[in-house]
Amino acid sequence: ALDRLVELDHDKKLLSRDITMVDLRLPDRVSVRQS
C-alpha cells in the first residue's frame, strides 16, 4: 500500500493536491477525499 502511495505521488503528484484523506484499505482501488 505504501509503495502504491509513493507511485501515485510520483506519477500523479497526489500528495501535493488539495486533499484531506487517501484510503488504501482496498487492494483494487484508492479513494481520495478532497478538501
PDB file of all heavy atoms in Angstrom:
ATOM      1  N   ALA A   1       0.836  -1.204   0.000  1.00  0.00           N
ATOM      2  CA  ALA A   1       0.000   0.000   0.000  1.00  0.00           C
ATOM      3  C   ALA A   1       0.871   1.254   0.000  1.00  0.00           C
ATOM      4  O   ALA A   1       0.594   2.209  -0.732  1.00  0.00           O
ATOM      5  CB  ALA A   1      -0.929  -0.006   1.209  1.00  0.00           C
ATOM      6  N   LEU A   2       1.921   1.249   0.788  1.00  0.00           N
ATOM      7  CA  LEU A   2       2.818   2.404   0.815  1.00  0.00           C
ATOM      8  C   LEU A   2       3.557   2.562  -0.507  1.00  0.00           C
ATOM      9  O   LEU A   2       3.760   3.689  -0.973  1.00  0.00           O
ATOM     10  CB  LEU A   2       3.801   2.283   1.978  1.00  0.00           C
ATOM     11  CG  LEU A   2       3.179   2.437   3.364  1.00  0.00           C
ATOM     12  CD1 LEU A   2       4.204   2.134   4.441  1.00  0.00           C
ATOM     13  CD2 LEU A   2       2.582   3.822   3.548  1.00  0.00           C
ATOM     14  N   ASP A   3       3.938   1.449  -1.126  1.00  0.00           N
ATOM     15  CA  ASP A   3       4.564   1.508  -2.452  1.00  0.00           C
ATOM     16  C   ASP A   3       3.604   2.142  -3.457  1.00  0.00           C
ATOM     17  O   ASP A   3       3.998   2.950  -4.301  1.00  0.00           O
ATOM     18  CB  ASP A   3       4.972   0.118  -2.934  1.00  0.00           C
ATOM     19  CG  ASP A   3       6.182  -0.441  -2.215  1.00  0.00           C
ATOM     20  OD1 ASP A   3       6.924   0.342  -1.572  1.00  0.00           O
ATOM     21  OD2 ASP A   3       6.394  -1.672  -2.285  1.00  0.00           O
ATOM     22  N   ARG A   4       2.338   1.771  -3.372  1.00  0.00           N
ATOM     23  CA  ARG A   4       1.323   2.335  -4.268  1.00  0.00           C
ATOM     24  C   ARG A   4       1.160   3.832  -4.034  1.00  0.00           C
ATOM     25  O   ARG A   4       1.027   4.611  -4.983  1.00  0.00           O
ATOM     26  CB  ARG A   4      -0.002   1.604  -4.054  1.00  0.00           C
ATOM     27  CG  ARG A   4      -0.955   1.758  -5.193  1.00  0.00           C
ATOM     28  CD  ARG A   4      -1.987   0.684  -5.181  1.00  0.00           C
ATOM     29  NE  ARG A   4      -3.074   1.120  -4.331  1.00  0.00           N
ATOM     30  CZ  ARG A   4      -4.054   0.337  -3.910  1.00  0.00           C
ATOM     31  NH1 ARG A   4      -4.072  -0.914  -4.233  1.00  0.00           N
ATOM     32  NH2 ARG A   4      -5.005   0.801  -3.163  1.00  0.00           N
ATOM     33  N   LEU A   5       1.199   4.254  -2.778  1.00  0.00           N
ATOM     34  CA  LEU A   5       1.094   5.668  -2.451  1.00  0.00           C
ATOM     35  C   LEU A   5       2.274   6.447  -3.029  1.00  0.00           C
ATOM     36  O   LEU A   5       2.084   7.516  -3.624  1.00  0.00           O
ATOM     37  CB  LEU A   5       1.031   5.858  -0.934  1.00  0.00           C
ATOM     38  CG  LEU A   5       0.911   7.294  -0.441  1.00  0.00           C
ATOM     39  CD1 LEU A   5      -0.396   7.924  -0.913  1.00  0.00           C
ATOM     40  CD2 LEU A   5       1.021   7.330   1.077  1.00  0.00           C
ATOM     41  N   VAL A   6       3.466   5.909  -2.890  1.00  0.00           N
ATOM     42  CA  VAL A   6       4.660   6.564  -3.442  1.00  0.00           C
ATOM     43  C   VAL A   6       4.547   6.665  -4.958  1.00  0.00           C
ATOM     44  O   VAL A   6       4.850   7.707  -5.555  1.00  0.00           O
ATOM     45  CB  VAL A   6       5.941   5.803  -3.027  1.00  0.00           C
ATOM     46  CG1 VAL A   6       7.147   6.284  -3.803  1.00  0.00           C
ATOM     47  CG2 VAL A   6       6.170   5.940  -1.532  1.00  0.00           C
ATOM     48  N   GLU A   7       4.080   5.607  -5.597  1.00  0.00           N
ATOM     49  CA  GLU A   7       3.914   5.612  -7.054  1.00  0.00           C
ATOM     50  C   GLU A   7       2.881   6.652  -7.491  1.00  0.00           C
ATOM     51  O   GLU A   7       3.107   7.396  -8.457  1.00  0.00           O
ATOM     52  CB  GLU A   7       3.495   4.219  -7.531  1.00  0.00           C
ATOM     53  CG  GLU A   7       3.373   4.103  -9.022  1.00  0.00           C
ATOM     54  CD  GLU A   7       3.000   2.686  -9.456  1.00  0.00           C
ATOM     55  OE1 GLU A   7       3.384   1.724  -8.774  1.00  0.00           O
ATOM     56  OE2 GLU A   7       2.316   2.565 -10.487  1.00  0.00           O
ATOM     57  N   LEU A   8       1.763   6.722  -6.782  1.00  0.00           N
ATOM     58  CA  LEU A   8       0.731   7.713  -7.110  1.00  0.00           C
ATOM     59  C   LEU A   8       1.248   9.129  -6.928  1.00  0.00           C
ATOM     60  O   LEU A   8       0.935  10.019  -7.723  1.00  0.00           O
ATOM     61  CB  LEU A   8      -0.511   7.497  -6.246  1.00  0.00           C
ATOM     62  CG  LEU A   8      -1.384   6.315  -6.619  1.00  0.00           C
ATOM     63  CD1 LEU A   8      -2.389   6.033  -5.518  1.00  0.00           C
ATOM     64  CD2 LEU A   8      -2.085   6.581  -7.938  1.00  0.00           C
ATOM     65  N   ASP A   9       2.035   9.328  -5.897  1.00  0.00           N
ATOM     66  CA  ASP A   9       2.586  10.665  -5.688  1.00  0.00           C
ATOM     67  C   ASP A   9       3.598  11.001  -6.778  1.00  0.00           C
ATOM     68  O   ASP A   9       3.616  12.120  -7.296  1.00  0.00           O
ATOM     69  CB  ASP A   9       3.228  10.779  -4.308  1.00  0.00           C
ATOM     70  CG  ASP A   9       3.597  12.208  -3.976  1.00  0.00           C
ATOM     71  OD1 ASP A   9       2.777  13.112  -4.257  1.00  0.00           O
ATOM     72  OD2 ASP A   9       4.691  12.432  -3.454  1.00  0.00           O
ATOM     73  N   HIS A  10       4.400  10.041  -7.157  1.00  0.00           N
ATOM     74  CA  HIS A  10       5.404  10.275  -8.211  1.00  0.00           C
ATOM     75  C   HIS A  10       4.736  10.540  -9.557  1.00  0.00           C
ATOM     76  O   HIS A  10       5.088  11.487 -10.261  1.00  0.00           O
ATOM     77  CB  HIS A  10       6.336   9.069  -8.311  1.00  0.00           C
ATOM     78  CG  HIS A  10       7.386   9.227  -9.355  1.00  0.00           C
ATOM     79  ND1 HIS A  10       7.234   8.728 -10.631  1.00  0.00           N
ATOM     80  CD2 HIS A  10       8.596   9.838  -9.319  1.00  0.00           C
ATOM     81  CE1 HIS A  10       8.312   9.029 -11.337  1.00  0.00           C
ATOM     82  NE2 HIS A  10       9.151   9.694 -10.568  1.00  0.00           N
ATOM     83  N   ASP A  11       3.752   9.713  -9.912  1.00  0.00           N
ATOM     84  CA  ASP A  11       3.111   9.806 -11.230  1.00  0.00           C
ATOM     85  C   ASP A  11       2.046  10.908 -11.317  1.00  0.00           C
ATOM     86  O   ASP A  11       1.911  11.554 -12.352  1.00  0.00           O
ATOM     87  CB  ASP A  11       2.456   8.476 -11.603  1.00  0.00           C
ATOM     88  CG  ASP A  11       3.460   7.354 -11.802  1.00  0.00           C
ATOM     89  OD1 ASP A  11       4.671   7.638 -11.904  1.00  0.00           O
ATOM     90  OD2 ASP A  11       3.032   6.184 -11.828  1.00  0.00           O
ATOM     91  N   LYS A  12       1.282  11.084 -10.260  1.00  0.00           N
ATOM     92  CA  LYS A  12       0.123  11.990 -10.296  1.00  0.00           C
ATOM     93  C   LYS A  12       0.242  13.175  -9.339  1.00  0.00           C
ATOM     94  O   LYS A  12      -0.684  13.979  -9.234  1.00  0.00           O
ATOM     95  CB  LYS A  12      -1.158  11.224  -9.940  1.00  0.00           C
ATOM     96  CG  LYS A  12      -1.407   9.980 -10.743  1.00  0.00           C
ATOM     97  CD  LYS A  12      -1.853  10.297 -12.122  1.00  0.00           C
ATOM     98  CE  LYS A  12      -2.226   8.990 -12.834  1.00  0.00           C
ATOM     99  NZ  LYS A  12      -2.494   9.198 -14.222  1.00  0.00           N
ATOM    100  N   LYS A  13       1.342  13.255  -8.605  1.00  0.00           N
ATOM    101  CA  LYS A  13       1.538  14.326  -7.604  1.00  0.00           C
ATOM    102  C   LYS A  13       0.372  14.349  -6.613  1.00  0.00           C
ATOM    103  O   LYS A  13      -0.112  15.404  -6.212  1.00  0.00           O
ATOM    104  CB  LYS A  13       1.686  15.695  -8.275  1.00  0.00           C
ATOM    105  CG  LYS A  13       2.746  15.751  -9.344  1.00  0.00           C
ATOM    106  CD  LYS A  13       4.120  15.545  -8.772  1.00  0.00           C
ATOM    107  CE  LYS A  13       5.174  15.698  -9.864  1.00  0.00           C
ATOM    108  NZ  LYS A  13       6.176  14.680  -9.844  1.00  0.00           N
ATOM    109  N   LEU A  14      -0.063  13.170  -6.210  1.00  0.00           N
ATOM    110  CA  LEU A  14      -1.243  13.027  -5.367  1.00  0.00           C
ATOM    111  C   LEU A  14      -1.141  13.810  -4.062  1.00  0.00           C
ATOM    112  O   LEU A  14      -2.077  14.503  -3.665  1.00  0.00           O
ATOM    113  CB  LEU A  14      -1.491  11.547  -5.057  1.00  0.00           C
ATOM    114  CG  LEU A  14      -2.693  11.238  -4.178  1.00  0.00           C
ATOM    115  CD1 LEU A  14      -3.979  11.579  -4.928  1.00  0.00           C
ATOM    116  CD2 LEU A  14      -2.690   9.796  -3.751  1.00  0.00           C
ATOM    117  N   LEU A  15      -0.024  13.731  -3.389  1.00  0.00           N
ATOM    118  CA  LEU A  15       0.107  14.336  -2.068  1.00  0.00           C
ATOM    119  C   LEU A  15       0.297  15.847  -2.127  1.00  0.00           C
ATOM    120  O   LEU A  15       0.302  16.506  -1.087  1.00  0.00           O
ATOM    121  CB  LEU A  15       1.239  13.668  -1.292  1.00  0.00           C
ATOM    122  CG  LEU A  15       1.044  12.163  -1.072  1.00  0.00           C
ATOM    123  CD1 LEU A  15       2.249  11.565  -0.375  1.00  0.00           C
ATOM    124  CD2 LEU A  15      -0.240  11.878  -0.306  1.00  0.00           C
ATOM    125  N   SER A  16       0.411  16.398  -3.328  1.00  0.00           N
ATOM    126  CA  SER A  16       0.513  17.846  -3.498  1.00  0.00           C
ATOM    127  C   SER A  16      -0.842  18.470  -3.811  1.00  0.00           C
ATOM    128  O   SER A  16      -0.954  19.683  -3.942  1.00  0.00           O
ATOM    129  CB  SER A  16       1.481  18.175  -4.638  1.00  0.00           C
ATOM    130  OG  SER A  16       2.751  17.667  -4.367  1.00  0.00           O
ATOM    131  N   ARG A  17      -1.842  17.647  -3.937  1.00  0.00           N
ATOM    132  CA  ARG A  17      -3.182  18.143  -4.278  1.00  0.00           C
ATOM    133  C   ARG A  17      -3.928  18.596  -3.029  1.00  0.00           C
ATOM    134  O   ARG A  17      -3.532  18.305  -1.906  1.00  0.00           O
ATOM    135  CB  ARG A  17      -3.964  17.054  -5.001  1.00  0.00           C
ATOM    136  CG  ARG A  17      -3.336  16.704  -6.340  1.00  0.00           C
ATOM    137  CD  ARG A  17      -4.042  15.544  -6.983  1.00  0.00           C
ATOM    138  NE  ARG A  17      -3.411  15.190  -8.226  1.00  0.00           N
ATOM    139  CZ  ARG A  17      -3.891  15.496  -9.410  1.00  0.00           C
ATOM    140  NH1 ARG A  17      -5.017  16.156  -9.521  1.00  0.00           N
ATOM    141  NH2 ARG A  17      -3.247  15.126 -10.495  1.00  0.00           N
ATOM    142  N   ASP A  18      -5.038  19.274  -3.245  1.00  0.00           N
ATOM    143  CA  ASP A  18      -5.845  19.793  -2.147  1.00  0.00           C
ATOM    144  C   ASP A  18      -6.792  18.696  -1.658  1.00  0.00           C
ATOM    145  O   ASP A  18      -7.984  18.698  -1.976  1.00  0.00           O
ATOM    146  CB  ASP A  18      -6.610  21.031  -2.633  1.00  0.00           C
ATOM    147  CG  ASP A  18      -7.201  21.828  -1.488  1.00  0.00           C
ATOM    148  OD1 ASP A  18      -6.959  21.473  -0.319  1.00  0.00           O
ATOM    149  OD2 ASP A  18      -7.906  22.807  -1.772  1.00  0.00           O
ATOM    150  N   ILE A  19      -6.224  17.748  -0.909  1.00  0.00           N
ATOM    151  CA  ILE A  19      -6.990  16.608  -0.403  1.00  0.00           C
ATOM    152  C   ILE A  19      -6.771  16.493   1.103  1.00  0.00           C
ATOM    153  O   ILE A  19      -5.819  17.044   1.656  1.00  0.00           O
ATOM    154  CB  ILE A  19      -6.595  15.291  -1.095  1.00  0.00           C
ATOM    155  CG1 ILE A  19      -5.109  14.968  -0.867  1.00  0.00           C
ATOM    156  CG2 ILE A  19      -6.929  15.343  -2.578  1.00  0.00           C
ATOM    157  CD1 ILE A  19      -4.683  13.623  -1.414  1.00  0.00           C
ATOM    158  N   THR A  20      -7.683  15.764   1.751  1.00  0.00           N
ATOM    159  CA  THR A  20      -7.567  15.568   3.194  1.00  0.00           C
ATOM    160  C   THR A  20      -7.328  14.121   3.576  1.00  0.00           C
ATOM    161  O   THR A  20      -6.866  13.846   4.684  1.00  0.00           O
ATOM    162  CB  THR A  20      -8.846  16.047   3.913  1.00  0.00           C
ATOM    163  OG1 THR A  20      -9.965  15.301   3.433  1.00  0.00           O
ATOM    164  CG2 THR A  20      -9.064  17.532   3.696  1.00  0.00           C
ATOM    165  N   MET A  21      -7.633  13.160   2.651  1.00  0.00           N
ATOM    166  CA  MET A  21      -7.524  11.759   3.009  1.00  0.00           C
ATOM    167  C   MET A  21      -7.263  10.901   1.779  1.00  0.00           C
ATOM    168  O   MET A  21      -7.810  11.159   0.701  1.00  0.00           O
ATOM    169  CB  MET A  21      -8.829  11.305   3.683  1.00  0.00           C
ATOM    170  CG  MET A  21      -8.807   9.913   4.264  1.00  0.00           C
ATOM    171  SD  MET A  21      -9.384   8.614   3.144  1.00  0.00           S
ATOM    172  CE  MET A  21     -10.992   9.158   2.678  1.00  0.00           C
ATOM    173  N   VAL A  22      -6.409   9.882   1.961  1.00  0.00           N
ATOM    174  CA  VAL A  22      -6.173   8.852   0.951  1.00  0.00           C
ATOM    175  C   VAL A  22      -6.459   7.523   1.627  1.00  0.00           C
ATOM    176  O   VAL A  22      -5.881   7.208   2.671  1.00  0.00           O
ATOM    177  CB  VAL A  22      -4.717   8.870   0.438  1.00  0.00           C
ATOM    178  CG1 VAL A  22      -4.494   7.762  -0.584  1.00  0.00           C
ATOM    179  CG2 VAL A  22      -4.353  10.220  -0.140  1.00  0.00           C
ATOM    180  N   ASP A  23      -7.352   6.738   1.048  1.00  0.00           N
ATOM    181  CA  ASP A  23      -7.728   5.449   1.622  1.00  0.00           C
ATOM    182  C   ASP A  23      -7.143   4.339   0.758  1.00  0.00           C
ATOM    183  O   ASP A  23      -7.511   4.180  -0.403  1.00  0.00           O
ATOM    184  CB  ASP A  23      -9.245   5.332   1.681  1.00  0.00           C
ATOM    185  CG  ASP A  23      -9.721   4.141   2.490  1.00  0.00           C
ATOM    186  OD1 ASP A  23      -8.937   3.183   2.670  1.00  0.00           O
ATOM    187  OD2 ASP A  23     -10.879   4.163   2.929  1.00  0.00           O
ATOM    188  N   LEU A  24      -6.233   3.567   1.337  1.00  0.00           N
ATOM    189  CA  LEU A  24      -5.563   2.471   0.626  1.00  0.00           C
ATOM    190  C   LEU A  24      -5.992   1.110   1.162  1.00  0.00           C
ATOM    191  O   LEU A  24      -5.320   0.111   0.928  1.00  0.00           O
ATOM    192  CB  LEU A  24      -4.044   2.622   0.778  1.00  0.00           C
ATOM    193  CG  LEU A  24      -3.452   3.909   0.240  1.00  0.00           C
ATOM    194  CD1 LEU A  24      -2.017   4.072   0.708  1.00  0.00           C
ATOM    195  CD2 LEU A  24      -3.519   3.932  -1.271  1.00  0.00           C
ATOM    196  N   ARG A  25      -7.102   1.046   1.867  1.00  0.00           N
ATOM    197  CA  ARG A  25      -7.508  -0.206   2.515  1.00  0.00           C
ATOM    198  C   ARG A  25      -7.972  -1.274   1.542  1.00  0.00           C
ATOM    199  O   ARG A  25      -7.842  -2.460   1.826  1.00  0.00           O
ATOM    200  CB  ARG A  25      -8.600   0.066   3.544  1.00  0.00           C
ATOM    201  CG  ARG A  25      -8.087   0.879   4.725  1.00  0.00           C
ATOM    202  CD  ARG A  25      -9.171   1.193   5.704  1.00  0.00           C
ATOM    203  NE  ARG A  25     -10.113   2.135   5.097  1.00  0.00           N
ATOM    204  CZ  ARG A  25     -11.202   2.574   5.688  1.00  0.00           C
ATOM    205  NH1 ARG A  25     -11.518   2.156   6.893  1.00  0.00           N
ATOM    206  NH2 ARG A  25     -11.986   3.440   5.083  1.00  0.00           N
ATOM    207  N   LEU A  26      -8.493  -0.893   0.407  1.00  0.00           N
ATOM    208  CA  LEU A  26      -8.947  -1.886  -0.574  1.00  0.00           C
ATOM    209  C   LEU A  26      -7.861  -2.092  -1.615  1.00  0.00           C
ATOM    210  O   LEU A  26      -7.350  -1.122  -2.177  1.00  0.00           O
ATOM    211  CB  LEU A  26     -10.240  -1.419  -1.244  1.00  0.00           C
ATOM    212  CG  LEU A  26     -11.428  -1.239  -0.298  1.00  0.00           C
ATOM    213  CD1 LEU A  26     -12.600  -0.639  -1.044  1.00  0.00           C
ATOM    214  CD2 LEU A  26     -11.806  -2.557   0.341  1.00  0.00           C
ATOM    215  N   PRO A  27      -7.509  -3.334  -1.893  1.00  0.00           N
ATOM    216  CA  PRO A  27      -6.376  -3.585  -2.789  1.00  0.00           C
ATOM    217  C   PRO A  27      -6.624  -3.211  -4.251  1.00  0.00           C
ATOM    218  O   PRO A  27      -5.687  -2.980  -4.994  1.00  0.00           O
ATOM    219  CB  PRO A  27      -6.140  -5.092  -2.658  1.00  0.00           C
ATOM    220  CG  PRO A  27      -7.431  -5.646  -2.156  1.00  0.00           C
ATOM    221  CD  PRO A  27      -8.082  -4.563  -1.356  1.00  0.00           C
ATOM    222  N   ASP A  28      -7.888  -3.095  -4.665  1.00  0.00           N
ATOM    223  CA  ASP A  28      -8.182  -2.832  -6.072  1.00  0.00           C
ATOM    224  C   ASP A  28      -8.561  -1.386  -6.373  1.00  0.00           C
ATOM    225  O   ASP A  28      -8.904  -1.055  -7.501  1.00  0.00           O
ATOM    226  CB  ASP A  28      -9.295  -3.765  -6.560  1.00  0.00           C
ATOM    227  CG  ASP A  28     -10.602  -3.545  -5.838  1.00  0.00           C
ATOM    228  OD1 ASP A  28     -10.573  -3.054  -4.685  1.00  0.00           O
ATOM    229  OD2 ASP A  28     -11.656  -3.864  -6.405  1.00  0.00           O
ATOM    230  N   ARG A  29      -8.486  -0.492  -5.361  1.00  0.00           N
ATOM    231  CA  ARG A  29      -8.843   0.905  -5.615  1.00  0.00           C
ATOM    232  C   ARG A  29      -8.245   1.815  -4.548  1.00  0.00           C
ATOM    233  O   ARG A  29      -7.910   1.380  -3.457  1.00  0.00           O
ATOM    234  CB  ARG A  29     -10.342   1.096  -5.687  1.00  0.00           C
ATOM    235  CG  ARG A  29     -11.042   0.912  -4.357  1.00  0.00           C
ATOM    236  CD  ARG A  29     -12.514   0.851  -4.507  1.00  0.00           C
ATOM    237  NE  ARG A  29     -12.797  -0.433  -5.120  1.00  0.00           N
ATOM    238  CZ  ARG A  29     -13.977  -0.962  -5.245  1.00  0.00           C
ATOM    239  NH1 ARG A  29     -15.017  -0.329  -4.823  1.00  0.00           N
ATOM    240  NH2 ARG A  29     -14.145  -2.126  -5.808  1.00  0.00           N
ATOM    241  N   VAL A  30      -8.180   3.070  -4.904  1.00  0.00           N
ATOM    242  CA  VAL A  30      -7.726   4.114  -3.989  1.00  0.00           C
ATOM    243  C   VAL A  30      -8.831   5.149  -3.921  1.00  0.00           C
ATOM    244  O   VAL A  30      -9.333   5.593  -4.954  1.00  0.00           O
ATOM    245  CB  VAL A  30      -6.419   4.776  -4.487  1.00  0.00           C
ATOM    246  CG1 VAL A  30      -6.031   5.939  -3.596  1.00  0.00           C
ATOM    247  CG2 VAL A  30      -5.293   3.759  -4.567  1.00  0.00           C
ATOM    248  N   SER A  31      -9.219   5.525  -2.718  1.00  0.00           N
ATOM    249  CA  SER A  31     -10.218   6.572  -2.544  1.00  0.00           C
ATOM    250  C   SER A  31      -9.519   7.811  -2.008  1.00  0.00           C
ATOM    251  O   SER A  31      -8.629   7.711  -1.166  1.00  0.00           O
ATOM    252  CB  SER A  31     -11.295   6.132  -1.553  1.00  0.00           C
ATOM    253  OG  SER A  31     -11.980   5.014  -2.037  1.00  0.00           O
ATOM    254  N   VAL A  32      -9.955   8.959  -2.499  1.00  0.00           N
ATOM    255  CA  VAL A  32      -9.367  10.227  -2.092  1.00  0.00           C
ATOM    256  C   VAL A  32     -10.493  11.170  -1.706  1.00  0.00           C
ATOM    257  O   VAL A  32     -11.512  11.247  -2.391  1.00  0.00           O
ATOM    258  CB  VAL A  32      -8.541  10.831  -3.249  1.00  0.00           C
ATOM    259  CG1 VAL A  32      -7.979  12.187  -2.866  1.00  0.00           C
ATOM    260  CG2 VAL A  32      -7.430   9.893  -3.665  1.00  0.00           C
ATOM    261  N   ARG A  33     -10.314  11.887  -0.603  1.00  0.00           N
ATOM    262  CA  ARG A  33     -11.304  12.878  -0.192  1.00  0.00           C
ATOM    263  C   ARG A  33     -10.707  14.262  -0.409  1.00  0.00           C
ATOM    264  O   ARG A  33      -9.643  14.589   0.105  1.00  0.00           O
ATOM    265  CB  ARG A  33     -11.670  12.716   1.276  1.00  0.00           C
ATOM    266  CG  ARG A  33     -12.718  13.756   1.715  1.00  0.00           C
ATOM    267  CD  ARG A  33     -13.151  13.587   3.144  1.00  0.00           C
ATOM    268  NE  ARG A  33     -13.786  12.280   3.301  1.00  0.00           N
ATOM    269  CZ  ARG A  33     -13.642  11.517   4.380  1.00  0.00           C
ATOM    270  NH1 ARG A  33     -12.885  11.899   5.371  1.00  0.00           N
ATOM    271  NH2 ARG A  33     -14.251  10.356   4.459  1.00  0.00           N
ATOM    272  N   GLN A  34     -11.419  15.075  -1.172  1.00  0.00           N
ATOM    273  CA  GLN A  34     -10.988  16.447  -1.415  1.00  0.00           C
ATOM    274  C   GLN A  34     -11.242  17.297  -0.170  1.00  0.00           C
ATOM    275  O   GLN A  34     -12.120  16.989   0.634  1.00  0.00           O
ATOM    276  CB  GLN A  34     -11.784  17.072  -2.552  1.00  0.00           C
ATOM    277  CG  GLN A  34     -11.553  16.456  -3.893  1.00  0.00           C
ATOM    278  CD  GLN A  34     -12.420  17.120  -4.941  1.00  0.00           C
ATOM    279  OE1 GLN A  34     -13.598  17.364  -4.718  1.00  0.00           O
ATOM    280  NE2 GLN A  34     -11.836  17.402  -6.084  1.00  0.00           N
ATOM    281  N   SER A  35     -10.507  18.381  -0.061  1.00  0.00           N
ATOM    282  CA  SER A  35     -10.816  19.352   0.991  1.00  0.00           C
ATOM    283  C   SER A  35     -12.158  19.994   0.639  1.00  0.00           C
ATOM    284  O   SER A  35     -12.615  19.938  -0.513  1.00  0.00           O
ATOM    285  CB  SER A  35      -9.729  20.415   1.086  1.00  0.00           C
ATOM    286  OG  SER A  35      -9.786  21.268  -0.035  1.00  0.00           O
TER     287      SER A  35
END
